[in-house]
């Protein structure tokens, strides 16, 4: 899965699995087209503040990892 501003799926709606790979692109340019094409899921972190184009890469990684770990290890079964 890839975290991208072009993702159609909100990261909160994705069902993370234990063996998922979370990919994050450069803050300035994202991913090359061939990398994007090879990913089966594109998710986004919604940004509700007008005028904000993207989040800092480290912040995005922390948000994604927290949610993935929460769903895989701490969600009720």
PDB file of N, CA and C in Angstrom:
ATOM      1  N   UNK A   1       0.829  -1.163   0.000  1.00  0.00           N
ATOM      2  CA  UNK A   1       0.000   0.000   0.000  1.00  0.00           C
ATOM      3  C   UNK A   1       0.874   1.226   0.000  1.00  0.00           C
ATOM      4  N   UNK A   2       0.362   2.273  -0.584  1.00  0.00           N
ATOM      5  CA  UNK A   2       1.104   3.521  -0.671  1.00  0.00           C
ATOM      6  C   UNK A   2       0.261   4.645  -0.077  1.00  0.00           C
ATOM      7  N   UNK A   3       0.893   5.479   0.711  1.00  0.00           N
ATOM      8  CA  UNK A   3       0.246   6.677   1.228  1.00  0.00           C
ATOM      9  C   UNK A   3       0.508   7.798   0.233  1.00  0.00           C
ATOM     10  N   UNK A   4      -0.555   8.383  -0.283  1.00  0.00           N
ATOM     11  CA  UNK A   4      -0.411   9.421  -1.298  1.00  0.00           C
ATOM     12  C   UNK A   4      -1.592  10.381  -1.250  1.00  0.00           C
ATOM     13  N   UNK A   5      -1.357  11.615  -1.629  1.00  0.00           N
ATOM     14  CA  UNK A   5      -2.456  12.586  -1.711  1.00  0.00           C
ATOM     15  C   UNK A   5      -3.413  12.216  -2.838  1.00  0.00           C
ATOM     16  N   UNK A   6      -2.990  11.298  -3.721  1.00  0.00           N
ATOM     17  CA  UNK A   6      -3.833  10.852  -4.840  1.00  0.00           C
ATOM     18  C   UNK A   6      -4.694   9.640  -4.475  1.00  0.00           C
ATOM     19  N   UNK A   7      -4.590   9.167  -3.245  1.00  0.00           N
ATOM     20  CA  UNK A   7      -5.337   7.986  -2.827  1.00  0.00           C
ATOM     21  C   UNK A   7      -6.834   8.235  -2.760  1.00  0.00           C
ATOM     22  N   UNK A   8      -7.595   7.211  -3.135  1.00  0.00           N
ATOM     23  CA  UNK A   8      -9.053   7.291  -3.075  1.00  0.00           C
ATOM     24  C   UNK A   8      -9.599   6.811  -1.731  1.00  0.00           C
ATOM     25  N   UNK A   9      -8.822   6.048  -0.995  1.00  0.00           N
ATOM     26  CA  UNK A   9      -9.288   5.420   0.235  1.00  0.00           C
ATOM     27  C   UNK A   9      -8.688   6.129   1.448  1.00  0.00           C
ATOM     28  N   UNK A  10      -9.542   6.524   2.373  1.00  0.00           N
ATOM     29  CA  UNK A  10      -9.089   7.110   3.625  1.00  0.00           C
ATOM     30  C   UNK A  10      -8.336   6.035   4.407  1.00  0.00           C
ATOM     31  N   UNK A  11      -7.186   6.357   4.965  1.00  0.00           N
ATOM     32  CA  UNK A  11      -6.377   5.367   5.680  1.00  0.00           C
ATOM     33  C   UNK A  11      -7.137   4.756   6.855  1.00  0.00           C
ATOM     34  N   UNK A  12      -8.099   5.471   7.422  1.00  0.00           N
ATOM     35  CA  UNK A  12      -8.889   4.948   8.530  1.00  0.00           C
ATOM     36  C   UNK A  12      -9.833   3.835   8.093  1.00  0.00           C
ATOM     37  N   UNK A  13     -10.157   3.787   6.809  1.00  0.00           N
ATOM     38  CA  UNK A  13     -11.060   2.773   6.278  1.00  0.00           C
ATOM     39  C   UNK A  13     -10.334   1.533   5.778  1.00  0.00           C
ATOM     40  N   UNK A  14      -9.020   1.561   5.740  1.00  0.00           N
ATOM     41  CA  UNK A  14      -8.244   0.419   5.264  1.00  0.00           C
ATOM     42  C   UNK A  14      -8.098  -0.612   6.384  1.00  0.00           C
ATOM     43  N   UNK A  15      -8.271  -1.881   6.041  1.00  0.00           N
ATOM     44  CA  UNK A  15      -8.101  -2.970   7.010  1.00  0.00           C
ATOM     45  C   UNK A  15      -6.661  -3.464   6.961  1.00  0.00           C
ATOM     46  N   UNK A  16      -5.822  -2.892   7.794  1.00  0.00           N
ATOM     47  CA  UNK A  16      -4.414  -3.266   7.836  1.00  0.00           C
ATOM     48  C   UNK A  16      -4.268  -4.720   8.274  1.00  0.00           C
ATOM     49  N   UNK A  17      -3.271  -5.391   7.683  1.00  0.00           N
ATOM     50  CA  UNK A  17      -2.943  -6.774   8.019  1.00  0.00           C
ATOM     51  C   UNK A  17      -1.497  -6.809   8.516  1.00  0.00           C
ATOM     52  N   UNK A  18      -1.149  -7.845   9.232  1.00  0.00           N
ATOM     53  CA  UNK A  18       0.170  -7.933   9.857  1.00  0.00           C
ATOM     54  C   UNK A  18       1.331  -7.834   8.869  1.00  0.00           C
ATOM     55  N   UNK A  19       1.191  -8.340   7.660  1.00  0.00           N
ATOM     56  CA  UNK A  19       2.301  -8.349   6.707  1.00  0.00           C
ATOM     57  C   UNK A  19       2.241  -7.223   5.681  1.00  0.00           C
ATOM     58  N   UNK A  20       1.423  -6.215   5.907  1.00  0.00           N
ATOM     59  CA  UNK A  20       1.349  -5.077   4.980  1.00  0.00           C
ATOM     60  C   UNK A  20       2.656  -4.298   4.962  1.00  0.00           C
ATOM     61  N   UNK A  21       2.973  -3.767   3.801  1.00  0.00           N
ATOM     62  CA  UNK A  21       4.089  -2.845   3.631  1.00  0.00           C
ATOM     63  C   UNK A  21       3.487  -1.471   3.451  1.00  0.00           C
ATOM     64  N   UNK A  22       3.965  -0.500   4.205  1.00  0.00           N
ATOM     65  CA  UNK A  22       3.489   0.877   4.110  1.00  0.00           C
ATOM     66  C   UNK A  22       4.566   1.692   3.411  1.00  0.00           C
ATOM     67  N   UNK A  23       4.246   2.254   2.265  1.00  0.00           N
ATOM     68  CA  UNK A  23       5.209   3.034   1.488  1.00  0.00           C
ATOM     69  C   UNK A  23       4.845   4.510   1.543  1.00  0.00           C
ATOM     70  N   UNK A  24       5.855   5.316   1.706  1.00  0.00           N
ATOM     71  CA  UNK A  24       5.686   6.772   1.751  1.00  0.00           C
ATOM     72  C   UNK A  24       6.661   7.390   0.769  1.00  0.00           C
ATOM     73  N   UNK A  25       6.197   8.342  -0.009  1.00  0.00           N
ATOM     74  CA  UNK A  25       7.051   8.981  -0.998  1.00  0.00           C
ATOM     75  C   UNK A  25       7.712  10.244  -0.478  1.00  0.00           C
ATOM     76  N   UNK A  26       8.497  10.848  -1.329  1.00  0.00           N
ATOM     77  CA  UNK A  26       9.155  12.109  -0.983  1.00  0.00           C
ATOM     78  C   UNK A  26       8.120  13.200  -0.775  1.00  0.00           C
ATOM     79  N   UNK A  27       8.429  14.124   0.109  1.00  0.00           N
ATOM     80  CA  UNK A  27       7.526  15.240   0.361  1.00  0.00           C
ATOM     81  C   UNK A  27       7.369  16.106  -0.890  1.00  0.00           C
ATOM     82  N   UNK A  28       8.419  16.234  -1.656  1.00  0.00           N
ATOM     83  CA  UNK A  28       8.396  17.148  -2.800  1.00  0.00           C
ATOM     84  C   UNK A  28       7.785  16.552  -4.052  1.00  0.00           C
ATOM     85  N   UNK A  29       7.988  15.249  -4.273  1.00  0.00           N
ATOM     86  CA  UNK A  29       7.546  14.699  -5.554  1.00  0.00           C
ATOM     87  C   UNK A  29       6.736  13.399  -5.449  1.00  0.00           C
ATOM     88  N   UNK A  30       6.584  12.844  -4.272  1.00  0.00           N
ATOM     89  CA  UNK A  30       5.825  11.600  -4.145  1.00  0.00           C
ATOM     90  C   UNK A  30       6.586  10.431  -4.739  1.00  0.00           C
ATOM     91  N   UNK A  31       5.858   9.552  -5.435  1.00  0.00           N
ATOM     92  CA  UNK A  31       6.435   8.348  -6.021  1.00  0.00           C
ATOM     93  C   UNK A  31       6.536   8.458  -7.534  1.00  0.00           C
ATOM     94  N   UNK A  32       7.509   7.773  -8.131  1.00  0.00           N
ATOM     95  CA  UNK A  32       7.526   7.647  -9.595  1.00  0.00           C
ATOM     96  C   UNK A  32       6.294   6.866 -10.046  1.00  0.00           C
ATOM     97  N   UNK A  33       5.854   7.099 -11.271  1.00  0.00           N
ATOM     98  CA  UNK A  33       4.660   6.455 -11.812  1.00  0.00           C
ATOM     99  C   UNK A  33       4.743   4.931 -11.778  1.00  0.00           C
ATOM    100  N   UNK A  34       5.928   4.349 -12.037  1.00  0.00           N
ATOM    101  CA  UNK A  34       6.035   2.888 -12.045  1.00  0.00           C
ATOM    102  C   UNK A  34       5.840   2.295 -10.652  1.00  0.00           C
ATOM    103  N   UNK A  35       6.279   3.002  -9.627  1.00  0.00           N
ATOM    104  CA  UNK A  35       6.061   2.535  -8.258  1.00  0.00           C
ATOM    105  C   UNK A  35       4.573   2.617  -7.924  1.00  0.00           C
ATOM    106  N   UNK A  36       3.949   3.725  -8.279  1.00  0.00           N
ATOM    107  CA  UNK A  36       2.512   3.882  -8.024  1.00  0.00           C
ATOM    108  C   UNK A  36       1.717   2.774  -8.713  1.00  0.00           C
ATOM    109  N   UNK A  37       2.092   2.459  -9.939  1.00  0.00           N
ATOM    110  CA  UNK A  37       1.370   1.440 -10.705  1.00  0.00           C
ATOM    111  C   UNK A  37       1.525   0.047 -10.080  1.00  0.00           C
ATOM    112  N   UNK A  38       2.613  -0.190  -9.370  1.00  0.00           N
ATOM    113  CA  UNK A  38       2.842  -1.513  -8.791  1.00  0.00           C
ATOM    114  C   UNK A  38       2.137  -1.712  -7.447  1.00  0.00           C
ATOM    115  N   UNK A  39       1.595  -0.665  -6.887  1.00  0.00           N
ATOM    116  CA  UNK A  39       0.907  -0.764  -5.596  1.00  0.00           C
ATOM    117  C   UNK A  39      -0.569  -1.052  -5.800  1.00  0.00           C
ATOM    118  N   UNK A  40      -1.098  -1.988  -5.028  1.00  0.00           N
ATOM    119  CA  UNK A  40      -2.495  -2.369  -5.203  1.00  0.00           C
ATOM    120  C   UNK A  40      -3.466  -1.492  -4.426  1.00  0.00           C
ATOM    121  N   UNK A  41      -3.003  -0.774  -3.412  1.00  0.00           N
ATOM    122  CA  UNK A  41      -3.877   0.088  -2.626  1.00  0.00           C
ATOM    123  C   UNK A  41      -3.216   1.451  -2.450  1.00  0.00           C
ATOM    124  N   UNK A  42      -3.999   2.495  -2.713  1.00  0.00           N
ATOM    125  CA  UNK A  42      -3.541   3.863  -2.497  1.00  0.00           C
ATOM    126  C   UNK A  42      -4.425   4.472  -1.415  1.00  0.00           C
ATOM    127  N   UNK A  43      -3.822   4.886  -0.317  1.00  0.00           N
ATOM    128  CA  UNK A  43      -4.594   5.507   0.752  1.00  0.00           C
ATOM    129  C   UNK A  43      -4.128   6.942   0.960  1.00  0.00           C
ATOM    130  N   UNK A  44      -4.998   7.716   1.562  1.00  0.00           N
ATOM    131  CA  UNK A  44      -4.666   9.114   1.844  1.00  0.00           C
ATOM    132  C   UNK A  44      -4.969   9.427   3.294  1.00  0.00           C
ATOM    133  N   UNK A  45      -4.258  10.389   3.820  1.00  0.00           N
ATOM    134  CA  UNK A  45      -4.557  10.947   5.129  1.00  0.00           C
ATOM    135  C   UNK A  45      -5.298  12.251   4.841  1.00  0.00           C
ATOM    136  N   UNK A  46      -6.566  12.345   5.210  1.00  0.00           N
ATOM    137  CA  UNK A  46      -7.331  13.547   4.869  1.00  0.00           C
ATOM    138  C   UNK A  46      -6.732  14.798   5.504  1.00  0.00           C
ATOM    139  N   UNK A  47      -6.725  15.854   4.744  1.00  0.00           N
ATOM    140  CA  UNK A  47      -6.268  17.159   5.229  1.00  0.00           C
ATOM    141  C   UNK A  47      -7.458  18.104   5.104  1.00  0.00           C
ATOM    142  N   UNK A  48      -7.916  18.610   6.232  1.00  0.00           N
ATOM    143  CA  UNK A  48      -9.120  19.439   6.220  1.00  0.00           C
ATOM    144  C   UNK A  48      -8.829  20.927   6.292  1.00  0.00           C
ATOM    145  N   UNK A  49      -7.581  21.279   6.513  1.00  0.00           N
ATOM    146  CA  UNK A  49      -7.203  22.694   6.611  1.00  0.00           C
ATOM    147  C   UNK A  49      -7.051  23.286   5.216  1.00  0.00           C
ATOM    148  N   UNK A  50      -7.822  24.310   4.862  1.00  0.00           N
ATOM    149  CA  UNK A  50      -7.684  24.920   3.536  1.00  0.00           C
ATOM    150  C   UNK A  50      -6.262  25.450   3.309  1.00  0.00           C
ATOM    151  N   UNK A  51      -5.774  25.233   2.115  1.00  0.00           N
ATOM    152  CA  UNK A  51      -4.454  25.734   1.752  1.00  0.00           C
ATOM    153  C   UNK A  51      -3.300  24.813   2.107  1.00  0.00           C
ATOM    154  N   UNK A  52      -3.555  23.754   2.878  1.00  0.00           N
ATOM    155  CA  UNK A  52      -2.496  22.805   3.223  1.00  0.00           C
ATOM    156  C   UNK A  52      -2.485  21.723   2.159  1.00  0.00           C
ATOM    157  N   UNK A  53      -1.351  21.575   1.494  1.00  0.00           N
ATOM    158  CA  UNK A  53      -1.228  20.638   0.379  1.00  0.00           C
ATOM    159  C   UNK A  53      -0.822  19.246   0.826  1.00  0.00           C
ATOM    160  N   UNK A  54       0.040  19.169   1.830  1.00  0.00           N
ATOM    161  CA  UNK A  54       0.507  17.864   2.289  1.00  0.00           C
ATOM    162  C   UNK A  54       1.015  17.977   3.718  1.00  0.00           C
ATOM    163  N   UNK A  55       1.267  16.820   4.316  1.00  0.00           N
ATOM    164  CA  UNK A  55       1.831  16.765   5.657  1.00  0.00           C
ATOM    165  C   UNK A  55       3.321  16.485   5.581  1.00  0.00           C
ATOM    166  N   UNK A  56       4.030  16.831   6.618  1.00  0.00           N
ATOM    167  CA  UNK A  56       5.435  16.484   6.744  1.00  0.00           C
ATOM    168  C   UNK A  56       5.561  14.958   6.680  1.00  0.00           C
ATOM    169  N   UNK A  57       6.592  14.465   6.028  1.00  0.00           N
ATOM    170  CA  UNK A  57       6.767  13.026   5.839  1.00  0.00           C
ATOM    171  C   UNK A  57       6.802  12.275   7.165  1.00  0.00           C
ATOM    172  N   UNK A  58       7.548  12.760   8.125  1.00  0.00           N
ATOM    173  CA  UNK A  58       7.645  12.075   9.413  1.00  0.00           C
ATOM    174  C   UNK A  58       6.290  12.027  10.118  1.00  0.00           C
ATOM    175  N   UNK A  59       5.512  13.079  10.018  1.00  0.00           N
ATOM    176  CA  UNK A  59       4.171  13.105  10.610  1.00  0.00           C
ATOM    177  C   UNK A  59       3.284  12.059   9.922  1.00  0.00           C
ATOM    178  N   UNK A  60       3.357  11.997   8.604  1.00  0.00           N
ATOM    179  CA  UNK A  60       2.559  11.009   7.853  1.00  0.00           C
ATOM    180  C   UNK A  60       2.927   9.584   8.233  1.00  0.00           C
ATOM    181  N   UNK A  61       4.216   9.323   8.381  1.00  0.00           N
ATOM    182  CA  UNK A  61       4.674   7.990   8.777  1.00  0.00           C
ATOM    183  C   UNK A  61       4.143   7.641  10.166  1.00  0.00           C
ATOM    184  N   UNK A  62       4.231   8.573  11.101  1.00  0.00           N
ATOM    185  CA  UNK A  62       3.741   8.325  12.460  1.00  0.00           C
ATOM    186  C   UNK A  62       2.243   8.033  12.457  1.00  0.00           C
ATOM    187  N   UNK A  63       1.472   8.783  11.709  1.00  0.00           N
ATOM    188  CA  UNK A  63       0.025   8.566  11.633  1.00  0.00           C
ATOM    189  C   UNK A  63      -0.271   7.175  11.067  1.00  0.00           C
ATOM    190  N   UNK A  64       0.368   6.834   9.956  1.00  0.00           N
ATOM    191  CA  UNK A  64       0.127   5.545   9.314  1.00  0.00           C
ATOM    192  C   UNK A  64       0.546   4.367  10.176  1.00  0.00           C
ATOM    193  N   UNK A  65       1.722   4.446  10.771  1.00  0.00           N
ATOM    194  CA  UNK A  65       2.197   3.349  11.616  1.00  0.00           C
ATOM    195  C   UNK A  65       1.334   3.170  12.860  1.00  0.00           C
ATOM    196  N   UNK A  66       0.944   4.274  13.455  1.00  0.00           N
ATOM    197  CA  UNK A  66       0.088   4.188  14.630  1.00  0.00           C
ATOM    198  C   UNK A  66      -1.219   3.474  14.293  1.00  0.00           C
ATOM    199  N   UNK A  67      -1.866   3.880  13.208  1.00  0.00           N
ATOM    200  CA  UNK A  67      -3.148   3.277  12.835  1.00  0.00           C
ATOM    201  C   UNK A  67      -2.984   1.807  12.450  1.00  0.00           C
ATOM    202  N   UNK A  68      -1.925   1.482  11.729  1.00  0.00           N
ATOM    203  CA  UNK A  68      -1.692   0.087  11.342  1.00  0.00           C
ATOM    204  C   UNK A  68      -1.489  -0.781  12.583  1.00  0.00           C
ATOM    205  N   UNK A  69      -0.671  -0.336  13.491  1.00  0.00           N
ATOM    206  CA  UNK A  69      -0.421  -1.121  14.717  1.00  0.00           C
ATOM    207  C   UNK A  69      -1.665  -1.203  15.573  1.00  0.00           C
ATOM    208  N   UNK A  70      -2.420  -0.126  15.638  1.00  0.00           N
ATOM    209  CA  UNK A  70      -3.640  -0.130  16.423  1.00  0.00           C
ATOM    210  C   UNK A  70      -4.624  -1.167  15.884  1.00  0.00           C
ATOM    211  N   UNK A  71      -4.795  -1.189  14.573  1.00  0.00           N
ATOM    212  CA  UNK A  71      -5.756  -2.121  13.983  1.00  0.00           C
ATOM    213  C   UNK A  71      -5.281  -3.567  14.032  1.00  0.00           C
ATOM    214  N   UNK A  72      -4.000  -3.786  13.842  1.00  0.00           N
ATOM    215  CA  UNK A  72      -3.487  -5.168  13.797  1.00  0.00           C
ATOM    216  C   UNK A  72      -3.340  -5.751  15.220  1.00  0.00           C
ATOM    217  N   UNK A  73      -2.840  -4.964  16.162  1.00  0.00           N
ATOM    218  CA  UNK A  73      -2.511  -5.522  17.460  1.00  0.00           C
ATOM    219  C   UNK A  73      -3.467  -5.177  18.602  1.00  0.00           C
ATOM    220  N   UNK A  74      -4.252  -4.107  18.426  1.00  0.00           N
ATOM    221  CA  UNK A  74      -5.064  -3.674  19.562  1.00  0.00           C
ATOM    222  C   UNK A  74      -6.562  -3.615  19.275  1.00  0.00           C
ATOM    223  N   UNK A  75      -6.964  -3.828  18.052  1.00  0.00           N
ATOM    224  CA  UNK A  75      -8.393  -3.791  17.721  1.00  0.00           C
ATOM    225  C   UNK A  75      -9.073  -5.034  18.288  1.00  0.00           C
ATOM    226  N   UNK A  76     -10.282  -4.868  18.785  1.00  0.00           N
ATOM    227  CA  UNK A  76     -10.990  -6.045  19.290  1.00  0.00           C
ATOM    228  C   UNK A  76     -11.288  -7.028  18.169  1.00  0.00           C
ATOM    229  N   UNK A  77     -11.194  -8.316  18.452  1.00  0.00           N
ATOM    230  CA  UNK A  77     -11.440  -9.313  17.399  1.00  0.00           C
ATOM    231  C   UNK A  77     -12.868  -9.756  17.337  1.00  0.00           C
TER     232      UNK A  77
END
